[in-house]
């Protein structure tokens, strides 16, 4: 069975060409079959974490906050013609009688049925964008939501503002039967994931191609990583014996006896072997 990245495979038809049709959007909002996903501080409500599903609700319970100006976004049309919306319900009472828990999106995404995680990511990113971009970048005037939640318009200078999109790289680095994973120390438990990072304007990538196909991303000559855990040091630098150490990314390597927890060391990225300990001035950059 083919595995699909949990934030991919959005099943909704976003119908982007009709977002500016106010009468059509109003009709969808009035349709009793339409569904809405309220987010509380960017977190959806979940009834049962043992078998989690998104808490899609009727719009009837949310007409008052929508009329009062709460951010409401048209997400798209599902198979069968049912419209789906998202709502920033922060500070509002729940429209559901079920006892629900508000769960972080990254925690919930791998647990919900296929496709719903992608819809959830769409809803969260747009609501977060609206919360962070309420004023015009050109003149500073408070902007208004338009295009069913996909644009903000400035009433003063008439500028249009669109959701930000950041290109990223996500990769699984493998060597034989082993893979290199990373871990964010702020995430609970021993959770690891593929390496990822944002791309920036002017950034250079070194990629090897064979017959027009990318076969390798070139590593830097040296990696600098912090020692997360190792046995207490033995202060004899001439001692040639090694001891086990765990790096901040979870990888275990062998290091000299004098290396201690918290030290920053340099590694050969090809062999993942210790090269040297970083000096104090360079080590400060990792603090």
C-alpha atoms as a PDB file:
ATOM      1  CA  UNK A   1       0.000   0.000   0.000  1.00  0.00           C
ATOM      2  CA  UNK A   2       1.331   3.424  -0.915  1.00  0.00           C
ATOM      3  CA  UNK A   3       2.004   5.733   2.020  1.00  0.00           C
ATOM      4  CA  UNK A   4       0.934   9.368   1.584  1.00  0.00           C
ATOM      5  CA  UNK A   5       2.487  12.209   3.553  1.00  0.00           C
ATOM      6  CA  UNK A   6      -0.185  13.106   6.116  1.00  0.00           C
ATOM      7  CA  UNK A   7      -0.427  16.773   5.087  1.00  0.00           C
ATOM      8  CA  UNK A   8      -0.891  15.849   1.404  1.00  0.00           C
ATOM      9  CA  UNK A   9      -3.928  14.433  -0.371  1.00  0.00           C
ATOM     10  CA  UNK A  10      -6.450  17.191   0.417  1.00  0.00           C
ATOM     11  CA  UNK A  11      -9.794  15.785  -0.861  1.00  0.00           C
ATOM     12  CA  UNK A  12     -11.564  19.164  -1.083  1.00  0.00           C
ATOM     13  CA  UNK A  13     -12.136  21.026  -4.327  1.00  0.00           C
ATOM     14  CA  UNK A  14     -11.089  24.530  -3.273  1.00  0.00           C
ATOM     15  CA  UNK A  15     -13.078  26.144  -6.138  1.00  0.00           C
ATOM     16  CA  UNK A  16     -10.746  29.133  -6.157  1.00  0.00           C
ATOM     17  CA  UNK A  17     -12.466  30.705  -9.159  1.00  0.00           C
ATOM     18  CA  UNK A  18     -15.655  31.313  -7.117  1.00  0.00           C
ATOM     19  CA  UNK A  19     -14.221  32.735  -3.901  1.00  0.00           C
ATOM     20  CA  UNK A  20     -15.136  36.299  -4.910  1.00  0.00           C
ATOM     21  CA  UNK A  21     -18.755  35.335  -5.665  1.00  0.00           C
ATOM     22  CA  UNK A  22     -20.312  36.710  -2.484  1.00  0.00           C
ATOM     23  CA  UNK A  23     -23.816  35.464  -3.259  1.00  0.00           C
ATOM     24  CA  UNK A  24     -22.544  31.929  -3.842  1.00  0.00           C
ATOM     25  CA  UNK A  25     -20.498  31.942  -0.614  1.00  0.00           C
ATOM     26  CA  UNK A  26     -23.492  33.351   1.289  1.00  0.00           C
ATOM     27  CA  UNK A  27     -25.659  30.548  -0.079  1.00  0.00           C
ATOM     28  CA  UNK A  28     -23.124  27.972   1.113  1.00  0.00           C
ATOM     29  CA  UNK A  29     -23.067  29.569   4.569  1.00  0.00           C
ATOM     30  CA  UNK A  30     -26.861  29.358   4.692  1.00  0.00           C
ATOM     31  CA  UNK A  31     -26.956  25.750   3.480  1.00  0.00           C
ATOM     32  CA  UNK A  32     -27.855  23.451   6.437  1.00  0.00           C
ATOM     33  CA  UNK A  33     -25.627  20.693   5.033  1.00  0.00           C
ATOM     34  CA  UNK A  34     -22.480  22.845   5.097  1.00  0.00           C
ATOM     35  CA  UNK A  35     -19.935  21.986   7.795  1.00  0.00           C
ATOM     36  CA  UNK A  36     -17.527  24.127   9.786  1.00  0.00           C
ATOM     37  CA  UNK A  37     -14.345  23.333  11.719  1.00  0.00           C
ATOM     38  CA  UNK A  38     -13.803  25.674  14.686  1.00  0.00           C
ATOM     39  CA  UNK A  39     -10.229  26.151  15.873  1.00  0.00           C
ATOM     40  CA  UNK A  40      -9.443  27.376  19.387  1.00  0.00           C
ATOM     41  CA  UNK A  41      -6.022  29.059  19.520  1.00  0.00           C
ATOM     42  CA  UNK A  42      -5.281  27.194  16.257  1.00  0.00           C
ATOM     43  CA  UNK A  43      -6.258  23.853  17.835  1.00  0.00           C
ATOM     44  CA  UNK A  44      -9.228  21.736  16.711  1.00  0.00           C
ATOM     45  CA  UNK A  45     -11.598  20.096  19.169  1.00  0.00           C
ATOM     46  CA  UNK A  46     -11.413  16.289  19.335  1.00  0.00           C
ATOM     47  CA  UNK A  47     -13.959  14.122  21.132  1.00  0.00           C
ATOM     48  CA  UNK A  48     -11.939  10.956  21.632  1.00  0.00           C
ATOM     49  CA  UNK A  49      -8.143  10.768  21.397  1.00  0.00           C
ATOM     50  CA  UNK A  50      -8.395   6.973  21.307  1.00  0.00           C
ATOM     51  CA  UNK A  51     -10.045   7.253  17.875  1.00  0.00           C
ATOM     52  CA  UNK A  52      -9.599  10.916  16.881  1.00  0.00           C
ATOM     53  CA  UNK A  53     -11.572  12.580  14.116  1.00  0.00           C
ATOM     54  CA  UNK A  54     -12.084  16.246  13.322  1.00  0.00           C
ATOM     55  CA  UNK A  55     -15.085  17.857  14.986  1.00  0.00           C
ATOM     56  CA  UNK A  56     -17.023  19.083  11.933  1.00  0.00           C
ATOM     57  CA  UNK A  57     -20.114  20.974  13.081  1.00  0.00           C
ATOM     58  CA  UNK A  58     -23.214  22.595  11.672  1.00  0.00           C
ATOM     59  CA  UNK A  59     -22.882  26.296  10.896  1.00  0.00           C
ATOM     60  CA  UNK A  60     -26.099  27.026  12.798  1.00  0.00           C
ATOM     61  CA  UNK A  61     -24.281  27.145  16.152  1.00  0.00           C
ATOM     62  CA  UNK A  62     -21.705  29.598  14.798  1.00  0.00           C
ATOM     63  CA  UNK A  63     -23.762  32.184  12.919  1.00  0.00           C
ATOM     64  CA  UNK A  64     -23.491  34.754  15.729  1.00  0.00           C
ATOM     65  CA  UNK A  65     -19.657  34.840  15.915  1.00  0.00           C
ATOM     66  CA  UNK A  66     -19.456  34.797  12.094  1.00  0.00           C
ATOM     67  CA  UNK A  67     -21.810  37.802  11.926  1.00  0.00           C
ATOM     68  CA  UNK A  68     -19.730  39.512  14.621  1.00  0.00           C
ATOM     69  CA  UNK A  69     -16.624  39.282  12.425  1.00  0.00           C
ATOM     70  CA  UNK A  70     -14.843  36.103  13.521  1.00  0.00           C
ATOM     71  CA  UNK A  71     -12.474  34.927  10.789  1.00  0.00           C
ATOM     72  CA  UNK A  72     -14.355  32.419   8.633  1.00  0.00           C
ATOM     73  CA  UNK A  73     -12.660  30.712   5.696  1.00  0.00           C
ATOM     74  CA  UNK A  74     -14.110  28.726   2.831  1.00  0.00           C
ATOM     75  CA  UNK A  75     -11.971  25.594   2.568  1.00  0.00           C
ATOM     76  CA  UNK A  76     -13.662  23.886  -0.381  1.00  0.00           C
ATOM     77  CA  UNK A  77     -16.306  21.449  -1.544  1.00  0.00           C
ATOM     78  CA  UNK A  78     -16.181  17.790  -0.572  1.00  0.00           C
ATOM     79  CA  UNK A  79     -17.357  14.878  -2.685  1.00  0.00           C
ATOM     80  CA  UNK A  80     -21.137  15.038  -2.650  1.00  0.00           C
ATOM     81  CA  UNK A  81     -21.192  18.838  -2.877  1.00  0.00           C
ATOM     82  CA  UNK A  82     -20.924  19.649   0.846  1.00  0.00           C
ATOM     83  CA  UNK A  83     -19.145  22.929   1.580  1.00  0.00           C
ATOM     84  CA  UNK A  84     -16.511  23.016   4.330  1.00  0.00           C
ATOM     85  CA  UNK A  85     -15.477  26.116   6.281  1.00  0.00           C
ATOM     86  CA  UNK A  86     -13.025  26.895   9.095  1.00  0.00           C
ATOM     87  CA  UNK A  87     -13.585  29.387  11.904  1.00  0.00           C
ATOM     88  CA  UNK A  88     -11.291  31.129  14.367  1.00  0.00           C
ATOM     89  CA  UNK A  89     -13.321  30.277  17.489  1.00  0.00           C
ATOM     90  CA  UNK A  90     -10.717  31.531  19.966  1.00  0.00           C
ATOM     91  CA  UNK A  91     -12.554  32.907  22.999  1.00  0.00           C
ATOM     92  CA  UNK A  92     -15.935  31.593  21.828  1.00  0.00           C
ATOM     93  CA  UNK A  93     -17.983  28.913  23.541  1.00  0.00           C
ATOM     94  CA  UNK A  94     -17.980  25.531  21.854  1.00  0.00           C
ATOM     95  CA  UNK A  95     -20.857  24.878  19.491  1.00  0.00           C
ATOM     96  CA  UNK A  96     -20.796  21.180  20.373  1.00  0.00           C
ATOM     97  CA  UNK A  97     -22.294  19.469  23.383  1.00  0.00           C
ATOM     98  CA  UNK A  98     -19.617  16.791  23.306  1.00  0.00           C
ATOM     99  CA  UNK A  99     -16.799  16.852  25.812  1.00  0.00           C
ATOM    100  CA  UNK A 100     -13.867  17.692  23.578  1.00  0.00           C
ATOM    101  CA  UNK A 101     -10.162  18.326  23.927  1.00  0.00           C
ATOM    102  CA  UNK A 102      -8.284  20.946  21.927  1.00  0.00           C
ATOM    103  CA  UNK A 103      -5.252  19.265  20.378  1.00  0.00           C
ATOM    104  CA  UNK A 104      -2.165  20.688  18.658  1.00  0.00           C
ATOM    105  CA  UNK A 105      -2.249  20.142  14.890  1.00  0.00           C
ATOM    106  CA  UNK A 106       1.154  18.461  14.613  1.00  0.00           C
ATOM    107  CA  UNK A 107       0.208  16.007  17.347  1.00  0.00           C
ATOM    108  CA  UNK A 108      -3.167  15.251  15.807  1.00  0.00           C
ATOM    109  CA  UNK A 109      -2.260  15.101  12.103  1.00  0.00           C
ATOM    110  CA  UNK A 110      -0.773  11.565  11.992  1.00  0.00           C
ATOM    111  CA  UNK A 111      -3.738  10.218  13.974  1.00  0.00           C
ATOM    112  CA  UNK A 112      -6.756  11.412  11.985  1.00  0.00           C
ATOM    113  CA  UNK A 113      -8.116   9.719   8.845  1.00  0.00           C
ATOM    114  CA  UNK A 114      -6.294  10.249   5.556  1.00  0.00           C
ATOM    115  CA  UNK A 115      -7.077  13.594   3.935  1.00  0.00           C
ATOM    116  CA  UNK A 116      -8.384  15.274   7.086  1.00  0.00           C
ATOM    117  CA  UNK A 117      -4.866  16.215   8.177  1.00  0.00           C
ATOM    118  CA  UNK A 118      -4.414  18.100   4.895  1.00  0.00           C
ATOM    119  CA  UNK A 119      -7.701  19.956   5.430  1.00  0.00           C
ATOM    120  CA  UNK A 120      -6.642  20.728   8.995  1.00  0.00           C
ATOM    121  CA  UNK A 121      -3.308  22.135   7.799  1.00  0.00           C
ATOM    122  CA  UNK A 122      -5.149  24.349   5.287  1.00  0.00           C
ATOM    123  CA  UNK A 123      -7.488  25.651   8.001  1.00  0.00           C
ATOM    124  CA  UNK A 124      -4.774  26.268  10.579  1.00  0.00           C
ATOM    125  CA  UNK A 125      -2.348  28.015   8.253  1.00  0.00           C
ATOM    126  CA  UNK A 126      -4.975  30.418   6.932  1.00  0.00           C
ATOM    127  CA  UNK A 127      -6.394  31.307  10.340  1.00  0.00           C
ATOM    128  CA  UNK A 128      -2.863  31.833  11.668  1.00  0.00           C
ATOM    129  CA  UNK A 129      -2.042  34.063   8.701  1.00  0.00           C
ATOM    130  CA  UNK A 130      -5.110  36.244   9.316  1.00  0.00           C
ATOM    131  CA  UNK A 131      -4.236  36.571  13.010  1.00  0.00           C
ATOM    132  CA  UNK A 132      -0.710  37.770  12.165  1.00  0.00           C
ATOM    133  CA  UNK A 133      -1.466  40.028   9.195  1.00  0.00           C
ATOM    134  CA  UNK A 134      -4.315  42.310  10.215  1.00  0.00           C
ATOM    135  CA  UNK A 135      -2.717  45.518   8.955  1.00  0.00           C
ATOM    136  CA  UNK A 136      -1.655  46.734   5.545  1.00  0.00           C
ATOM    137  CA  UNK A 137       2.079  46.421   4.911  1.00  0.00           C
ATOM    138  CA  UNK A 138       1.985  49.533   2.712  1.00  0.00           C
ATOM    139  CA  UNK A 139       0.052  52.098   4.760  1.00  0.00           C
ATOM    140  CA  UNK A 140      -0.632  50.462   8.149  1.00  0.00           C
ATOM    141  CA  UNK A 141      -4.436  50.547   7.880  1.00  0.00           C
ATOM    142  CA  UNK A 142      -6.398  47.611   9.323  1.00  0.00           C
ATOM    143  CA  UNK A 143      -7.327  45.319   6.439  1.00  0.00           C
ATOM    144  CA  UNK A 144     -10.555  43.445   5.740  1.00  0.00           C
ATOM    145  CA  UNK A 145     -11.057  39.767   4.923  1.00  0.00           C
ATOM    146  CA  UNK A 146     -12.153  39.141   1.342  1.00  0.00           C
ATOM    147  CA  UNK A 147     -12.348  36.323  -1.226  1.00  0.00           C
ATOM    148  CA  UNK A 148     -13.962  33.988   1.319  1.00  0.00           C
ATOM    149  CA  UNK A 149     -10.933  34.224   3.598  1.00  0.00           C
ATOM    150  CA  UNK A 150      -8.155  33.893   1.028  1.00  0.00           C
ATOM    151  CA  UNK A 151      -7.248  37.600   0.698  1.00  0.00           C
ATOM    152  CA  UNK A 152      -7.031  40.704   2.875  1.00  0.00           C
ATOM    153  CA  UNK A 153      -7.862  44.061   1.312  1.00  0.00           C
ATOM    154  CA  UNK A 154      -6.792  47.481   2.511  1.00  0.00           C
ATOM    155  CA  UNK A 155      -9.703  49.970   2.493  1.00  0.00           C
ATOM    156  CA  UNK A 156      -7.277  52.900   2.365  1.00  0.00           C
ATOM    157  CA  UNK A 157      -4.682  52.191  -0.344  1.00  0.00           C
ATOM    158  CA  UNK A 158      -6.633  49.294  -1.955  1.00  0.00           C
ATOM    159  CA  UNK A 159      -3.682  46.904  -1.713  1.00  0.00           C
ATOM    160  CA  UNK A 160      -4.427  43.185  -1.706  1.00  0.00           C
ATOM    161  CA  UNK A 161      -2.511  40.836   0.579  1.00  0.00           C
ATOM    162  CA  UNK A 162      -2.295  37.065   0.112  1.00  0.00           C
ATOM    163  CA  UNK A 163      -1.322  34.183   2.399  1.00  0.00           C
ATOM    164  CA  UNK A 164       2.410  33.717   2.765  1.00  0.00           C
ATOM    165  CA  UNK A 165       3.931  30.564   1.335  1.00  0.00           C
ATOM    166  CA  UNK A 166       7.393  29.418   2.421  1.00  0.00           C
ATOM    167  CA  UNK A 167       9.245  26.850   0.281  1.00  0.00           C
ATOM    168  CA  UNK A 168      10.770  24.152   2.436  1.00  0.00           C
ATOM    169  CA  UNK A 169      12.962  21.118   1.982  1.00  0.00           C
ATOM    170  CA  UNK A 170      12.082  17.832   3.671  1.00  0.00           C
ATOM    171  CA  UNK A 171      14.444  14.911   3.286  1.00  0.00           C
ATOM    172  CA  UNK A 172      15.191  11.432   4.575  1.00  0.00           C
ATOM    173  CA  UNK A 173      18.948  10.857   4.655  1.00  0.00           C
ATOM    174  CA  UNK A 174      19.792   7.169   4.365  1.00  0.00           C
ATOM    175  CA  UNK A 175      22.956   5.092   4.285  1.00  0.00           C
ATOM    176  CA  UNK A 176      22.424   1.391   3.760  1.00  0.00           C
ATOM    177  CA  UNK A 177      19.843   0.243   6.296  1.00  0.00           C
ATOM    178  CA  UNK A 178      20.214   3.317   8.514  1.00  0.00           C
ATOM    179  CA  UNK A 179      18.467   6.688   8.351  1.00  0.00           C
ATOM    180  CA  UNK A 180      19.405  10.023   9.895  1.00  0.00           C
ATOM    181  CA  UNK A 181      16.485  11.617  11.771  1.00  0.00           C
ATOM    182  CA  UNK A 182      16.234  14.800  13.796  1.00  0.00           C
ATOM    183  CA  UNK A 183      14.433  15.792  16.980  1.00  0.00           C
ATOM    184  CA  UNK A 184      13.225  19.178  18.175  1.00  0.00           C
ATOM    185  CA  UNK A 185      13.984  19.371  21.890  1.00  0.00           C
ATOM    186  CA  UNK A 186      10.730  21.290  22.465  1.00  0.00           C
ATOM    187  CA  UNK A 187       8.602  18.328  21.340  1.00  0.00           C
ATOM    188  CA  UNK A 188       7.457  15.922  24.063  1.00  0.00           C
ATOM    189  CA  UNK A 189       8.803  12.381  24.311  1.00  0.00           C
ATOM    190  CA  UNK A 190      11.385  10.742  22.097  1.00  0.00           C
ATOM    191  CA  UNK A 191       9.842  11.793  18.793  1.00  0.00           C
ATOM    192  CA  UNK A 192      12.021  11.954  15.697  1.00  0.00           C
ATOM    193  CA  UNK A 193      11.292  13.060  12.147  1.00  0.00           C
ATOM    194  CA  UNK A 194      12.874  13.628   8.754  1.00  0.00           C
ATOM    195  CA  UNK A 195      15.194  16.616   8.438  1.00  0.00           C
ATOM    196  CA  UNK A 196      13.536  19.781   7.215  1.00  0.00           C
ATOM    197  CA  UNK A 197      14.232  23.465   6.822  1.00  0.00           C
ATOM    198  CA  UNK A 198      13.041  26.634   5.122  1.00  0.00           C
ATOM    199  CA  UNK A 199      14.595  27.866   1.902  1.00  0.00           C
ATOM    200  CA  UNK A 200      15.476  31.544   1.652  1.00  0.00           C
ATOM    201  CA  UNK A 201      16.071  33.921  -1.262  1.00  0.00           C
ATOM    202  CA  UNK A 202      19.650  33.603  -2.474  1.00  0.00           C
ATOM    203  CA  UNK A 203      20.245  30.250  -0.793  1.00  0.00           C
ATOM    204  CA  UNK A 204      22.568  27.909  -2.687  1.00  0.00           C
ATOM    205  CA  UNK A 205      21.963  24.178  -2.968  1.00  0.00           C
ATOM    206  CA  UNK A 206      24.566  21.675  -4.115  1.00  0.00           C
ATOM    207  CA  UNK A 207      22.955  18.720  -5.864  1.00  0.00           C
ATOM    208  CA  UNK A 208      24.587  15.951  -7.906  1.00  0.00           C
ATOM    209  CA  UNK A 209      22.829  14.836 -11.107  1.00  0.00           C
ATOM    210  CA  UNK A 210      23.272  11.693 -13.207  1.00  0.00           C
ATOM    211  CA  UNK A 211      21.467  11.554 -16.565  1.00  0.00           C
ATOM    212  CA  UNK A 212      19.282  14.454 -15.521  1.00  0.00           C
ATOM    213  CA  UNK A 213      18.214  12.900 -12.215  1.00  0.00           C
ATOM    214  CA  UNK A 214      19.170  14.235  -8.788  1.00  0.00           C
ATOM    215  CA  UNK A 215      21.083  11.510  -6.955  1.00  0.00           C
ATOM    216  CA  UNK A 216      22.720  13.265  -4.015  1.00  0.00           C
ATOM    217  CA  UNK A 217      22.671  16.435  -1.954  1.00  0.00           C
ATOM    218  CA  UNK A 218      26.200  17.426  -1.021  1.00  0.00           C
ATOM    219  CA  UNK A 219      26.885  17.670   2.717  1.00  0.00           C
ATOM    220  CA  UNK A 220      29.044  20.358   4.297  1.00  0.00           C
ATOM    221  CA  UNK A 221      32.644  19.437   5.037  1.00  0.00           C
ATOM    222  CA  UNK A 222      32.087  19.581   8.799  1.00  0.00           C
ATOM    223  CA  UNK A 223      29.072  19.272  11.101  1.00  0.00           C
ATOM    224  CA  UNK A 224      28.904  20.963  14.511  1.00  0.00           C
ATOM    225  CA  UNK A 225      26.590  19.339  17.056  1.00  0.00           C
ATOM    226  CA  UNK A 226      26.152  19.485  20.815  1.00  0.00           C
ATOM    227  CA  UNK A 227      26.667  16.504  23.122  1.00  0.00           C
ATOM    228  CA  UNK A 228      23.310  15.771  24.777  1.00  0.00           C
ATOM    229  CA  UNK A 229      24.512  13.008  27.065  1.00  0.00           C
ATOM    230  CA  UNK A 230      27.719  11.155  27.860  1.00  0.00           C
ATOM    231  CA  UNK A 231      29.621   9.747  30.836  1.00  0.00           C
ATOM    232  CA  UNK A 232      31.550  12.189  33.087  1.00  0.00           C
ATOM    233  CA  UNK A 233      34.843  13.297  31.532  1.00  0.00           C
ATOM    234  CA  UNK A 234      38.262  11.888  32.255  1.00  0.00           C
ATOM    235  CA  UNK A 235      40.718  14.794  32.029  1.00  0.00           C
ATOM    236  CA  UNK A 236      43.527  13.013  30.243  1.00  0.00           C
ATOM    237  CA  UNK A 237      43.643  14.218  26.672  1.00  0.00           C
ATOM    238  CA  UNK A 238      46.384  11.754  25.828  1.00  0.00           C
ATOM    239  CA  UNK A 239      44.021   8.876  26.668  1.00  0.00           C
ATOM    240  CA  UNK A 240      43.229   7.188  23.352  1.00  0.00           C
ATOM    241  CA  UNK A 241      40.171   5.264  24.597  1.00  0.00           C
ATOM    242  CA  UNK A 242      36.699   6.357  23.523  1.00  0.00           C
ATOM    243  CA  UNK A 243      33.280   6.436  25.168  1.00  0.00           C
ATOM    244  CA  UNK A 244      29.707   6.527  23.880  1.00  0.00           C
ATOM    245  CA  UNK A 245      27.897   9.868  23.522  1.00  0.00           C
ATOM    246  CA  UNK A 246      24.451  10.905  22.314  1.00  0.00           C
ATOM    247  CA  UNK A 247      24.234  14.016  20.118  1.00  0.00           C
ATOM    248  CA  UNK A 248      21.458  16.614  20.273  1.00  0.00           C
ATOM    249  CA  UNK A 249      19.830  14.980  17.226  1.00  0.00           C
ATOM    250  CA  UNK A 250      19.720  11.583  18.921  1.00  0.00           C
ATOM    251  CA  UNK A 251      22.599   9.997  16.987  1.00  0.00           C
ATOM    252  CA  UNK A 252      25.055   8.013  19.102  1.00  0.00           C
ATOM    253  CA  UNK A 253      28.793   8.213  18.359  1.00  0.00           C
ATOM    254  CA  UNK A 254      32.120   7.548  20.064  1.00  0.00           C
ATOM    255  CA  UNK A 255      34.075  10.484  21.533  1.00  0.00           C
ATOM    256  CA  UNK A 256      37.286  10.953  23.561  1.00  0.00           C
ATOM    257  CA  UNK A 257      37.161  10.573  27.339  1.00  0.00           C
ATOM    258  CA  UNK A 258      37.602  14.323  28.005  1.00  0.00           C
ATOM    259  CA  UNK A 259      34.409  15.329  26.142  1.00  0.00           C
ATOM    260  CA  UNK A 260      31.510  16.213  28.450  1.00  0.00           C
ATOM    261  CA  UNK A 261      27.759  16.790  28.188  1.00  0.00           C
ATOM    262  CA  UNK A 262      27.065  20.227  26.679  1.00  0.00           C
ATOM    263  CA  UNK A 263      30.253  20.345  24.596  1.00  0.00           C
ATOM    264  CA  UNK A 264      29.961  21.207  20.914  1.00  0.00           C
ATOM    265  CA  UNK A 265      32.021  18.951  18.682  1.00  0.00           C
ATOM    266  CA  UNK A 266      32.895  18.762  15.008  1.00  0.00           C
ATOM    267  CA  UNK A 267      32.095  15.631  12.994  1.00  0.00           C
ATOM    268  CA  UNK A 268      32.981  14.268   9.595  1.00  0.00           C
ATOM    269  CA  UNK A 269      29.499  14.091   7.964  1.00  0.00           C
ATOM    270  CA  UNK A 270      30.530  11.224   5.708  1.00  0.00           C
ATOM    271  CA  UNK A 271      31.688   8.935   8.516  1.00  0.00           C
ATOM    272  CA  UNK A 272      29.920  10.589  11.483  1.00  0.00           C
ATOM    273  CA  UNK A 273      33.171  10.316  13.410  1.00  0.00           C
ATOM    274  CA  UNK A 274      34.525  12.790  15.956  1.00  0.00           C
ATOM    275  CA  UNK A 275      37.046  15.335  14.627  1.00  0.00           C
ATOM    276  CA  UNK A 276      37.602  17.849  17.434  1.00  0.00           C
ATOM    277  CA  UNK A 277      35.963  19.789  20.233  1.00  0.00           C
ATOM    278  CA  UNK A 278      34.803  23.316  19.371  1.00  0.00           C
ATOM    279  CA  UNK A 279      36.563  26.170  21.162  1.00  0.00           C
ATOM    280  CA  UNK A 280      34.697  28.297  23.684  1.00  0.00           C
ATOM    281  CA  UNK A 281      34.116  31.294  21.358  1.00  0.00           C
ATOM    282  CA  UNK A 282      32.588  29.110  18.642  1.00  0.00           C
ATOM    283  CA  UNK A 283      30.700  27.065  21.213  1.00  0.00           C
ATOM    284  CA  UNK A 284      28.887  30.216  22.373  1.00  0.00           C
ATOM    285  CA  UNK A 285      27.127  30.423  19.021  1.00  0.00           C
ATOM    286  CA  UNK A 286      25.315  27.182  19.818  1.00  0.00           C
ATOM    287  CA  UNK A 287      24.022  28.345  23.179  1.00  0.00           C
END
